[in-house]
Amino acid sequence: MDKYICGICATIYNPELGTPDENIAPGTAFEDLPDDWRCPICGSSQDKFTKLSQEKFDELQQKGIGKFL
């Protein structure tokens, strides 16, 4: 499943994990998030998120860049 990064605060939404604190179940694709879902860190709307390739996600994770949900 595709992962997305917030262009404001670099929070990464990983659909494999969801956001249980917000009642978003693991396995919920970004496209299936409720319309009113916002970044749990900075409050940005979904249009501030961009899709990450798996390569870029792995690179960011290895470098410790980004806030992972």
Protein backbone atom coordinates (compact mmCIF):
# COMPACT_ATOMS: atom_id res chain seq x y z
CA MET A 1 0.00 0.00 0.00
CA ASP A 2 1.16 3.51 -0.79
CA LYS A 3 2.52 5.70 1.97
CA TYR A 4 2.09 9.48 2.06
CA ILE A 5 4.12 12.30 3.61
CA CYS A 6 2.82 15.60 4.93
CA GLY A 7 4.48 18.49 3.08
CA ILE A 8 4.20 20.70 6.17
CA CYS A 9 5.62 18.59 9.02
CA ALA A 10 6.98 15.43 7.31
CA THR A 11 4.58 13.10 9.11
CA ILE A 12 4.28 9.85 7.18
CA TYR A 13 0.94 8.06 6.95
CA ASN A 14 1.54 4.32 6.68
CA PRO A 15 -1.71 2.53 5.81
CA GLU A 16 -0.34 -0.74 7.15
CA LEU A 17 -0.45 0.85 10.62
CA GLY A 18 -3.40 3.23 10.28
CA THR A 19 -3.83 5.70 13.15
CA PRO A 20 -5.53 3.74 15.94
CA ASP A 21 -5.60 6.80 18.21
CA GLU A 22 -7.96 8.34 15.65
CA ASN A 23 -9.93 5.12 15.04
CA ILE A 24 -8.30 4.59 11.62
CA ALA A 25 -7.79 0.84 11.40
CA PRO A 26 -4.59 -0.76 10.09
CA GLY A 27 -4.98 -1.48 6.40
CA THR A 28 -6.86 1.76 5.65
CA ALA A 29 -5.58 3.19 2.36
CA PHE A 30 -4.94 6.93 2.24
CA GLU A 31 -7.68 7.25 -0.39
CA ASP A 32 -10.15 5.66 2.04
CA LEU A 33 -9.52 8.08 4.90
CA PRO A 34 -12.55 10.16 5.92
CA ASP A 35 -12.78 13.47 4.05
CA ASP A 36 -12.25 15.40 7.28
CA TRP A 37 -9.09 13.47 8.27
CA ARG A 38 -6.15 15.76 8.96
CA CYS A 39 -2.51 15.25 9.83
CA PRO A 40 -2.51 14.21 13.49
CA ILE A 41 0.69 16.19 14.13
CA CYS A 42 0.13 19.57 12.43
CA GLY A 43 -3.54 19.50 11.40
CA SER A 44 -2.88 19.91 7.67
CA SER A 45 -5.51 18.70 5.24
CA GLN A 46 -5.02 15.66 3.04
CA ASP A 47 -4.11 17.78 0.02
CA LYS A 48 -0.82 18.64 1.76
CA PHE A 49 0.26 14.97 1.57
CA THR A 50 2.17 13.46 -1.35
CA LYS A 51 2.68 9.83 -2.24
CA LEU A 52 6.03 8.25 -1.39
CA SER A 53 7.62 5.53 -3.47
CA GLN A 54 8.72 2.49 -1.50
CA GLU A 55 12.35 3.42 -2.27
CA LYS A 56 11.91 6.93 -0.88
CA PHE A 57 10.07 5.61 2.18
CA ASP A 58 12.88 3.13 2.88
CA GLU A 59 15.48 5.88 2.40
CA LEU A 60 13.71 8.25 4.81
CA GLN A 61 13.27 5.48 7.34
CA GLN A 62 16.96 4.53 7.18
CA LYS A 63 18.01 8.16 7.62
CA GLY A 64 15.53 8.74 10.44
CA ILE A 65 13.83 11.53 8.52
CA GLY A 66 10.11 12.09 8.95
CA LYS A 67 7.66 11.49 11.74
CA PHE A 68 6.21 8.02 11.48
CA LEU A 69 2.70 7.37 12.71
